[in-house]
Amino acid sequence: MSKEYFPGIPHIKYEGPNSRNPLSFRHYNAKEKVGGKTMREHFRFSMAYWHAMKNPLGDPFGPGTALRPWDDRSNSVANAKNVAHAAFEFMDKLGLDYYCFHDRDVSPELETLAASNKALDEVSDELLKLQKSTGKKLLWGTACLFSHPRYCQGAGTSPNADVFAYAAAQVKKAMEVTHKLGGEGYTFWGGREGYSTLFNTDMKRELDHLARLLHMAVAYKKTIGFKGQFYIEPKPREPSTHQYDSDSAACLNFLREYGLLDHFKLNIETNHATLAGHTVQHDLAVARAAGALGSIDANTGDTLIGWDTDQFPTDVYMTTQIMIQLLLMGGFTTGGLNFDAKPRRESFDPEDLFHAHIGGMDAFARGLKSAHALLKDGRWTKFIKKRYSSFDSGIGADIEKGKVGFKELEAYTLKQKGEPKLASGRQEMLENLLNDFIS
């Protein structure tokens, strides 16, 4: 990479919490070990190609403001290669090991599928060269099945069979390119797989079609020998009134119903969880309980704005809760923390991309240390274990083992004297305990 796309921006280094250098890490130290693993190993941080390299920072009330000198906004392969070189310089200077992309982020969509595929082949050749020369890796790839007007009524759930066929063809190519680049996963995000109104919707048929598309992907994965993990990313709405992948529970139920659960894990995004009326902690816990927590899109939303704002995570309380769930799971295997986030529209300089990622990486470093300390202390986990201890023996153990039914439980209850003795939930004490470990 001969041309420098971020002149004046140094390689970002760890300088410690007392540093006053805004282009330094105060808390994220890639080599520092927490619980036997380095921070780098815990997080597997990833750059979201669509936000970091391509997002013009527009909003519903105005066009983009972003200054991106590496991107001339042309629909050319040459420009796509320039953007790729800028992306790898950016990752190198930040110390990011991974990136994620949609097919149409890295390569232009042209007038025909054949032309688009040819362009994607050429750009992915360049990406492969850059990966080999830098050691950077592809965390996961995906196909953009929501931006083009053909997908205005859905892709896998479109009422038009030709659109479904086009979507399948696009997924096929995106999977091939992800496999070519050694991607560790492939994500399905149903950006428009839902409905605006039920008056014109056959929901059962649409869900059947979506499942058919995913089964085709499972079959083709075996055909090409792709070993990466498949993910589904929940989101409840926007732009649709209702999207079928609305939250962790809905995704898991869909996968169970259609015999797909063995082939997919979930990619959980903070902002999507809040749009569903949940916390990210909730959606992570649901996925973890099902053994289906695969990867995380690290961002946050604005509680005063009703859409998916994709802001960088800076709330240490939130990152601590995320890391608690991740540590309880035992950490990532194929997934990672992908910064599906963008600077604000008012923060348009290339330098702002660095400030944003530094803030997110530092926030997660603090969250990791806090979560590890809380779990190592043991009082929180001991409290939860004790709270459910009545199921460890006696009638509780019989309930869990399926040894009793209504008749036996009625007889047991009739023998008891008085009401069951409840213990306090101690929510406030536990919240105070967590605050003691927030660093």
Protein backbone atom coordinates (compact mmCIF):
# COMPACT_ATOMS: atom_id res chain seq x y z
CA MET A 1 0.00 0.00 0.00
CA SER A 2 2.06 2.90 -1.31
CA LYS A 3 -0.49 5.69 -0.92
CA GLU A 4 -1.34 6.83 2.61
CA TYR A 5 -5.05 7.47 3.06
CA PHE A 6 -4.86 8.74 6.65
CA PRO A 7 -1.83 11.04 6.66
CA GLY A 8 -0.98 12.45 10.04
CA ILE A 9 -2.75 9.63 11.89
CA PRO A 10 -0.22 7.44 13.73
CA HIS A 11 -0.59 3.81 14.73
CA ILE A 12 -2.82 4.01 17.80
CA LYS A 13 -0.99 2.81 20.90
CA TYR A 14 -1.92 2.05 24.48
CA GLU A 15 -0.77 4.93 26.70
CA GLY A 16 -2.75 4.23 29.86
CA PRO A 17 -5.58 6.00 31.69
CA ASN A 18 -3.52 9.13 32.43
CA SER A 19 -2.84 9.87 28.76
CA ARG A 20 -4.22 13.11 27.37
CA ASN A 21 -3.57 12.06 23.79
CA PRO A 22 -6.99 11.63 22.10
CA LEU A 23 -5.39 9.34 19.51
CA SER A 24 -4.35 6.72 22.04
CA PHE A 25 -5.92 3.89 24.00
CA ARG A 26 -6.38 4.63 27.68
CA HIS A 27 -7.82 1.22 28.61
CA TYR A 28 -7.53 -1.16 25.65
CA ASN A 29 -4.17 -2.91 25.82
CA ALA A 30 -4.22 -5.69 23.22
CA LYS A 31 -1.52 -7.74 24.97
CA GLU A 32 -2.86 -7.40 28.52
CA LYS A 33 -4.24 -10.64 29.92
CA VAL A 34 -7.57 -10.76 31.70
CA GLY A 35 -8.59 -14.17 33.01
CA GLY A 36 -5.89 -16.00 31.07
CA LYS A 37 -6.62 -14.44 27.65
CA THR A 38 -5.37 -11.26 26.09
CA MET A 39 -7.80 -8.46 25.37
CA ARG A 40 -7.20 -9.07 21.67
CA GLU A 41 -8.30 -12.69 22.09
CA HIS A 42 -11.36 -11.76 24.17
CA PHE A 43 -12.76 -9.16 21.79
CA ARG A 44 -11.80 -10.13 18.23
CA PHE A 45 -12.65 -6.55 17.23
CA SER A 46 -13.90 -6.04 13.69
CA MET A 47 -14.42 -3.06 11.40
CA ALA A 48 -17.82 -2.75 9.73
CA TYR A 49 -16.93 -1.93 6.12
CA TRP A 50 -20.30 -0.30 5.40
CA HIS A 51 -20.05 2.26 8.19
CA ALA A 52 -16.31 2.92 8.48
CA MET A 53 -15.49 3.08 4.79
CA LYS A 54 -18.73 3.73 2.92
CA ASN A 55 -21.31 5.49 5.09
CA PRO A 56 -21.87 9.08 3.90
CA LEU A 57 -23.45 10.01 7.28
CA GLY A 58 -26.79 11.10 5.94
CA ASP A 59 -30.01 10.95 7.92
CA PRO A 60 -33.76 11.11 7.06
CA PHE A 61 -33.57 14.90 7.04
CA GLY A 62 -30.43 15.57 5.05
CA PRO A 63 -27.69 14.17 2.80
CA GLY A 64 -24.33 12.87 3.91
CA THR A 65 -21.59 15.09 5.31
CA ALA A 66 -18.72 12.60 5.51
CA LEU A 67 -15.35 13.56 4.07
CA ARG A 68 -13.98 10.32 2.64
CA PRO A 69 -11.15 11.22 0.23
CA TRP A 70 -10.50 7.55 -0.55
CA ASP A 71 -14.01 7.12 -2.01
CA ASP A 72 -15.01 9.09 -5.13
CA ARG A 73 -18.52 7.54 -4.94
CA SER A 74 -18.18 6.19 -8.47
CA ASN A 75 -19.54 2.77 -9.34
CA SER A 76 -16.15 1.56 -10.51
CA VAL A 77 -13.92 -1.35 -9.62
CA ALA A 78 -10.94 1.03 -9.44
CA ASN A 79 -12.66 3.07 -6.75
CA ALA A 80 -13.62 -0.08 -4.86
CA LYS A 81 -9.95 -1.08 -4.78
CA ASN A 82 -8.99 2.35 -3.45
CA VAL A 83 -11.52 1.96 -0.66
CA ALA A 84 -10.12 -1.49 0.14
CA HIS A 85 -6.61 -0.10 0.54
CA ALA A 86 -7.91 2.66 2.81
CA ALA A 87 -9.79 0.06 4.87
CA PHE A 88 -6.69 -2.03 5.47
CA GLU A 89 -4.61 1.03 6.40
CA PHE A 90 -7.34 2.01 8.84
CA MET A 91 -7.42 -1.45 10.42
CA ASP A 92 -3.64 -1.52 10.63
CA LYS A 93 -3.39 1.84 12.38
CA LEU A 94 -6.12 0.89 14.87
CA GLY A 95 -4.90 -2.65 15.48
CA LEU A 96 -8.14 -4.27 14.31
CA ASP A 97 -7.68 -7.88 13.26
CA TYR A 98 -11.01 -8.42 11.44
CA TYR A 99 -13.52 -6.80 9.13
CA CYS A 100 -17.09 -7.56 8.02
CA PHE A 101 -18.81 -6.61 4.78
CA HIS A 102 -21.87 -6.77 2.57
CA ASP A 103 -21.10 -7.70 -1.02
CA ARG A 104 -22.22 -4.28 -2.24
CA ASP A 105 -20.00 -2.47 0.30
CA VAL A 106 -16.79 -3.79 -1.18
CA SER A 107 -17.80 -3.92 -4.82
CA PRO A 108 -20.23 -1.98 -7.03
CA GLU A 109 -23.63 -3.25 -8.08
CA LEU A 110 -23.76 -2.95 -11.86
CA GLU A 111 -26.52 -3.27 -14.45
CA THR A 112 -26.56 -7.06 -14.53
CA LEU A 113 -25.86 -9.78 -11.98
CA ALA A 114 -23.12 -11.17 -14.23
CA ALA A 115 -21.36 -7.79 -14.31
CA SER A 116 -21.74 -7.37 -10.55
CA ASN A 117 -20.33 -10.85 -9.97
CA LYS A 118 -17.35 -10.15 -12.23
CA ALA A 119 -16.62 -6.91 -10.36
CA LEU A 120 -16.90 -8.71 -7.02
CA ASP A 121 -14.41 -11.34 -8.21
CA GLU A 122 -11.91 -8.66 -9.16
CA VAL A 123 -12.27 -6.68 -5.93
CA SER A 124 -12.16 -9.80 -3.77
CA ASP A 125 -8.89 -10.75 -5.47
CA GLU A 126 -7.54 -7.44 -4.20
CA LEU A 127 -8.97 -8.05 -0.73
CA LEU A 128 -7.30 -11.44 -0.64
CA LYS A 129 -3.93 -9.88 -1.51
CA LEU A 130 -4.39 -7.30 1.24
CA GLN A 131 -5.32 -9.99 3.77
CA LYS A 132 -2.22 -12.00 2.91
CA SER A 133 0.09 -8.97 3.14
CA THR A 134 -1.34 -7.65 6.42
CA GLY A 135 -2.62 -10.72 8.28
CA LYS A 136 -6.10 -9.19 8.60
CA LYS A 137 -9.05 -11.59 8.44
CA LEU A 138 -12.68 -11.61 7.40
CA LEU A 139 -14.93 -12.19 10.42
CA TRP A 140 -18.03 -12.62 8.29
CA GLY A 141 -19.52 -11.65 4.97
CA THR A 142 -23.09 -11.18 3.82
CA ALA A 143 -25.22 -10.12 0.86
CA CYS A 144 -27.01 -6.78 0.78
CA LEU A 145 -30.61 -7.85 0.16
CA PHE A 146 -32.30 -4.62 1.23
CA SER A 147 -30.91 -1.52 -0.53
CA HIS A 148 -31.77 -2.12 -4.19
CA PRO A 149 -35.35 -1.23 -5.25
CA ARG A 150 -35.96 -4.85 -6.32
CA TYR A 151 -35.96 -5.75 -2.61
CA CYS A 152 -38.47 -3.11 -1.54
CA GLN A 153 -40.96 -5.90 -0.70
CA GLY A 154 -38.39 -8.29 0.71
CA ALA A 155 -35.88 -10.77 -0.71
CA GLY A 156 -36.44 -14.27 0.61
CA THR A 157 -39.94 -13.16 1.60
CA SER A 158 -40.74 -11.23 -1.58
CA PRO A 159 -44.11 -12.06 -3.19
CA ASN A 160 -42.26 -12.17 -6.52
CA ALA A 161 -40.50 -15.45 -7.40
CA ASP A 162 -38.02 -13.70 -9.70
CA VAL A 163 -36.88 -11.51 -6.81
CA PHE A 164 -36.48 -14.60 -4.64
CA ALA A 165 -34.35 -16.19 -7.37
CA TYR A 166 -32.20 -13.05 -7.69
CA ALA A 167 -31.69 -12.98 -3.91
CA ALA A 168 -30.66 -16.64 -3.91
CA ALA A 169 -28.18 -16.00 -6.69
CA GLN A 170 -26.74 -13.04 -4.82
CA VAL A 171 -26.38 -15.06 -1.59
CA LYS A 172 -24.68 -17.85 -3.56
CA LYS A 173 -22.02 -15.47 -4.87
CA ALA A 174 -21.55 -13.74 -1.50
CA MET A 175 -21.04 -17.12 0.16
CA GLU A 176 -18.47 -18.08 -2.48
CA VAL A 177 -16.53 -14.85 -1.94
CA THR A 178 -16.71 -15.20 1.83
CA HIS A 179 -15.33 -18.73 1.49
CA LYS A 180 -12.62 -17.51 -0.90
CA LEU A 181 -11.50 -14.90 1.66
CA GLY A 182 -11.40 -17.40 4.51
CA GLY A 183 -14.37 -15.83 6.28
CA GLU A 184 -15.06 -17.30 9.71
CA GLY A 185 -18.79 -16.82 9.32
CA TYR A 186 -21.65 -15.68 7.12
CA THR A 187 -24.54 -13.53 8.37
CA PHE A 188 -28.16 -13.34 7.24
CA TRP A 189 -29.79 -10.05 8.11
CA GLY A 190 -33.35 -9.72 6.90
CA GLY A 191 -33.34 -5.96 6.42
CA ARG A 192 -36.69 -6.07 4.61
CA GLU A 193 -37.85 -9.58 5.44
CA GLY A 194 -41.12 -8.55 7.01
CA TYR A 195 -44.24 -6.59 6.20
CA SER A 196 -45.63 -3.07 6.24
CA THR A 197 -49.20 -4.29 6.54
CA LEU A 198 -50.88 -7.67 6.99
CA PHE A 199 -53.63 -6.63 4.55
CA ASN A 200 -51.42 -7.70 1.62
CA THR A 201 -49.32 -10.38 3.35
CA ASP A 202 -49.45 -14.17 3.46
CA MET A 203 -47.23 -14.55 6.51
CA LYS A 204 -47.10 -18.34 6.51
CA ARG A 205 -46.04 -18.46 2.88
CA GLU A 206 -43.38 -15.79 3.38
CA LEU A 207 -41.89 -17.62 6.38
CA ASP A 208 -41.89 -20.87 4.41
CA HIS A 209 -40.02 -19.14 1.59
CA LEU A 210 -37.45 -17.61 3.96
CA ALA A 211 -36.80 -21.02 5.49
CA ARG A 212 -36.45 -22.47 1.99
CA LEU A 213 -33.77 -19.89 1.16
CA LEU A 214 -31.85 -20.74 4.34
CA HIS A 215 -32.06 -24.47 3.66
CA MET A 216 -30.65 -23.81 0.20
CA ALA A 217 -27.78 -21.91 1.82
CA VAL A 218 -27.09 -24.82 4.21
CA ALA A 219 -26.97 -27.21 1.27
CA TYR A 220 -24.72 -24.96 -0.79
CA LYS A 221 -22.40 -24.43 2.17
CA LYS A 222 -21.67 -28.18 2.06
CA THR A 223 -21.27 -28.11 -1.72
CA ILE A 224 -18.47 -25.53 -1.63
CA GLY A 225 -16.91 -26.83 1.57
CA PHE A 226 -17.44 -23.64 3.56
CA LYS A 227 -16.76 -24.36 7.24
CA GLY A 228 -17.73 -20.96 8.65
CA GLN A 229 -20.56 -20.37 11.09
CA PHE A 230 -23.95 -19.16 9.82
CA TYR A 231 -25.54 -16.31 11.79
CA ILE A 232 -28.96 -14.64 11.85
CA GLU A 233 -29.14 -11.07 13.12
CA PRO A 234 -32.38 -10.13 14.91
CA LYS A 235 -34.14 -6.80 14.32
CA PRO A 236 -37.79 -6.01 15.09
CA ARG A 237 -38.68 -3.25 12.65
CA GLU A 238 -37.41 -0.34 10.55
CA PRO A 239 -37.91 -0.03 7.72
CA SER A 240 -40.66 -2.66 7.90
CA THR A 241 -43.49 -2.43 10.42
CA HIS A 242 -42.54 -5.91 11.56
CA GLN A 243 -39.53 -8.00 10.60
CA TYR A 244 -39.68 -11.75 11.06
CA ASP A 245 -36.26 -11.88 12.77
CA SER A 246 -37.60 -9.57 15.48
CA ASP A 247 -35.52 -10.66 18.48
CA SER A 248 -33.48 -13.58 19.82
CA ALA A 249 -36.51 -15.59 20.91
CA ALA A 250 -38.34 -15.12 17.59
CA CYS A 251 -35.24 -16.13 15.62
CA LEU A 252 -34.70 -19.23 17.75
CA ASN A 253 -38.35 -20.27 17.42
CA PHE A 254 -38.19 -19.79 13.64
CA LEU A 255 -35.03 -21.90 13.42
CA ARG A 256 -36.57 -24.67 15.57
CA GLU A 257 -39.81 -24.70 13.59
CA TYR A 258 -38.03 -25.12 10.28
CA GLY A 259 -35.30 -27.55 11.39
CA LEU A 260 -32.47 -25.04 11.05
CA LEU A 261 -31.29 -24.64 14.65
CA ASP A 262 -28.26 -26.91 14.23
CA HIS A 263 -26.95 -24.73 11.40
CA PHE A 264 -27.29 -21.20 12.79
CA LYS A 265 -26.25 -19.05 15.72
CA LEU A 266 -27.28 -15.45 16.39
CA ASN A 267 -25.44 -12.20 15.78
CA ILE A 268 -26.83 -9.83 18.41
CA GLU A 269 -26.85 -6.06 17.96
CA THR A 270 -27.42 -3.67 20.87
CA ASN A 271 -29.49 -1.14 18.94
CA HIS A 272 -31.73 -3.86 17.51
CA ALA A 273 -32.38 -5.26 20.99
CA THR A 274 -33.53 -1.86 22.25
CA LEU A 275 -35.78 -1.39 19.21
CA ALA A 276 -37.39 -4.70 20.20
CA GLY A 277 -38.10 -3.33 23.68
CA HIS A 278 -35.27 -5.34 25.27
CA THR A 279 -31.83 -4.69 26.65
CA VAL A 280 -28.88 -6.18 24.80
CA GLN A 281 -28.25 -8.16 27.99
CA HIS A 282 -31.66 -9.80 27.51
CA ASP A 283 -31.10 -10.84 23.89
CA LEU A 284 -27.60 -12.10 24.69
CA ALA A 285 -28.92 -14.11 27.65
CA VAL A 286 -31.70 -15.66 25.53
CA ALA A 287 -29.21 -16.66 22.84
CA ARG A 288 -26.67 -17.94 25.37
CA ALA A 289 -29.26 -20.05 27.18
CA ALA A 290 -30.04 -21.77 23.88
CA GLY A 291 -26.35 -22.31 23.07
CA ALA A 292 -26.83 -20.02 20.08
CA LEU A 293 -24.86 -16.87 20.92
CA GLY A 294 -22.43 -16.55 18.05
CA SER A 295 -21.30 -12.97 17.48
CA ILE A 296 -22.07 -9.39 18.53
CA ASP A 297 -22.57 -6.16 16.60
CA ALA A 298 -21.21 -3.59 19.02
CA ASN A 299 -23.10 -0.32 18.98
CA THR A 300 -25.78 1.53 20.90
CA GLY A 301 -28.86 3.63 20.18
CA ASP A 302 -30.24 6.93 21.38
CA THR A 303 -33.21 6.53 23.72
CA LEU A 304 -34.63 9.83 22.47
CA ILE A 305 -34.60 8.83 18.79
CA GLY A 306 -36.89 6.14 17.43
CA TRP A 307 -34.69 4.60 14.79
CA ASP A 308 -31.52 2.55 14.47
CA THR A 309 -28.89 5.24 15.08
CA ASP A 310 -25.88 2.87 15.17
CA GLN A 311 -23.80 4.92 17.59
CA PHE A 312 -20.48 3.81 19.03
CA PRO A 313 -20.71 2.17 22.48
CA THR A 314 -19.30 4.35 25.26
CA ASP A 315 -21.46 3.27 28.22
CA VAL A 316 -19.22 1.17 30.47
CA TYR A 317 -22.23 -0.14 32.41
CA MET A 318 -23.61 -1.56 29.16
CA THR A 319 -20.29 -3.00 27.96
CA THR A 320 -19.86 -4.64 31.37
CA GLN A 321 -23.25 -6.34 31.04
CA ILE A 322 -22.33 -7.54 27.54
CA MET A 323 -19.01 -8.92 28.74
CA ILE A 324 -20.68 -10.72 31.68
CA GLN A 325 -22.79 -12.68 29.19
CA LEU A 326 -19.81 -13.32 26.93
CA LEU A 327 -17.60 -14.53 29.79
CA LEU A 328 -20.37 -16.77 31.12
CA MET A 329 -20.51 -18.32 27.64
CA GLY A 330 -16.77 -18.96 27.71
CA GLY A 331 -15.92 -16.37 25.06
CA PHE A 332 -16.11 -16.24 21.29
CA THR A 333 -15.25 -19.12 19.01
CA THR A 334 -15.89 -17.93 15.45
CA GLY A 335 -17.61 -14.65 16.32
CA GLY A 336 -16.33 -11.30 17.52
CA LEU A 337 -17.22 -7.73 18.41
CA ASN A 338 -18.02 -5.99 15.15
CA PHE A 339 -18.35 -2.20 15.36
CA ASP A 340 -21.60 -1.84 13.44
CA ALA A 341 -21.50 1.85 14.29
CA LYS A 342 -20.79 5.20 12.70
CA PRO A 343 -19.74 8.66 13.89
CA ARG A 344 -22.44 11.28 14.15
CA ARG A 345 -23.40 13.35 11.11
CA GLU A 346 -21.67 16.32 12.72
CA SER A 347 -18.42 14.32 13.05
CA PHE A 348 -17.42 14.10 9.42
CA ASP A 349 -13.60 14.14 9.33
CA PRO A 350 -11.66 10.91 8.73
CA GLU A 351 -10.00 11.47 12.10
CA ASP A 352 -13.41 11.08 13.76
CA LEU A 353 -13.44 7.44 12.64
CA PHE A 354 -10.41 6.87 14.86
CA HIS A 355 -11.86 8.71 17.86
CA ALA A 356 -15.06 6.68 17.55
CA HIS A 357 -13.34 3.30 17.41
CA ILE A 358 -10.89 4.21 20.17
CA GLY A 359 -13.81 5.11 22.42
CA GLY A 360 -15.60 1.85 21.68
CA MET A 361 -12.51 -0.27 22.22
CA ASP A 362 -11.69 1.49 25.49
CA ALA A 363 -15.28 1.10 26.70
CA PHE A 364 -15.17 -2.64 26.08
CA ALA A 365 -11.76 -2.95 27.75
CA ARG A 366 -13.21 -1.37 30.88
CA GLY A 367 -16.30 -3.56 30.60
CA LEU A 368 -14.15 -6.70 30.34
CA LYS A 369 -12.16 -5.85 33.45
CA SER A 370 -15.31 -5.03 35.41
CA ALA A 371 -17.13 -8.18 34.31
CA HIS A 372 -14.14 -10.40 35.02
CA ALA A 373 -13.68 -8.91 38.48
CA LEU A 374 -17.37 -9.35 39.31
CA LEU A 375 -17.39 -13.00 38.24
CA LYS A 376 -14.07 -13.74 39.96
CA ASP A 377 -15.39 -12.23 43.20
CA GLY A 378 -18.12 -14.86 43.17
CA ARG A 379 -20.75 -13.15 45.32
CA TRP A 380 -23.06 -12.46 42.37
CA THR A 381 -22.98 -15.99 40.96
CA LYS A 382 -23.27 -17.48 44.47
CA PHE A 383 -26.36 -15.36 45.14
CA ILE A 384 -28.07 -16.59 41.97
CA LYS A 385 -27.18 -20.20 42.73
CA LYS A 386 -28.53 -19.87 46.25
CA ARG A 387 -31.72 -18.22 44.98
CA TYR A 388 -32.57 -21.38 43.02
CA SER A 389 -31.20 -23.83 45.59
CA SER A 390 -34.66 -25.21 46.40
CA PHE A 391 -34.46 -27.00 43.04
CA ASP A 392 -31.15 -28.69 43.92
CA SER A 393 -32.73 -31.35 46.13
CA GLY A 394 -36.05 -32.67 47.39
CA ILE A 395 -39.21 -31.73 45.55
CA GLY A 396 -37.38 -29.14 43.44
CA ALA A 397 -34.96 -31.72 42.07
CA ASP A 398 -37.89 -34.06 41.36
CA ILE A 399 -39.58 -31.25 39.37
CA GLU A 400 -36.49 -30.63 37.26
CA LYS A 401 -35.96 -34.34 36.63
CA GLY A 402 -39.58 -34.86 35.57
CA LYS A 403 -40.28 -37.34 38.37
CA VAL A 404 -43.50 -35.68 39.54
CA GLY A 405 -46.74 -34.41 38.02
CA PHE A 406 -49.77 -32.43 39.17
CA LYS A 407 -51.03 -35.15 41.52
CA GLU A 408 -47.72 -35.52 43.33
CA LEU A 409 -47.26 -31.76 43.61
CA GLU A 410 -50.78 -31.34 44.96
CA ALA A 411 -50.13 -34.01 47.61
CA TYR A 412 -46.81 -32.38 48.51
CA THR A 413 -48.41 -28.93 48.85
CA LEU A 414 -51.30 -30.22 51.00
CA LYS A 415 -48.76 -31.58 53.48
CA GLN A 416 -47.00 -28.23 53.87
CA LYS A 417 -47.86 -25.88 56.72
CA GLY A 418 -48.51 -22.30 55.73
CA GLU A 419 -47.34 -20.34 52.71
CA PRO A 420 -44.00 -20.94 50.98
CA LYS A 421 -41.21 -18.86 52.53
CA LEU A 422 -39.79 -16.50 49.92
CA ALA A 423 -36.37 -14.86 50.01
CA SER A 424 -35.77 -11.29 48.88
CA GLY A 425 -34.56 -10.78 45.31
CA ARG A 426 -32.02 -8.23 46.58
CA GLN A 427 -32.00 -6.31 43.28
CA GLU A 428 -30.69 -3.12 44.81
CA MET A 429 -27.88 -4.92 46.64
CA LEU A 430 -26.81 -6.63 43.42
CA GLU A 431 -26.89 -3.36 41.49
CA ASN A 432 -24.67 -1.84 44.16
CA LEU A 433 -22.37 -4.83 43.92
CA LEU A 434 -22.04 -4.38 40.17
CA ASN A 435 -21.27 -0.68 40.63
CA ASP A 436 -18.43 -1.63 42.98
CA PHE A 437 -16.67 -3.35 40.09
CA ILE A 438 -17.27 -0.77 37.35
CA SER A 439 -13.81 0.56 36.59
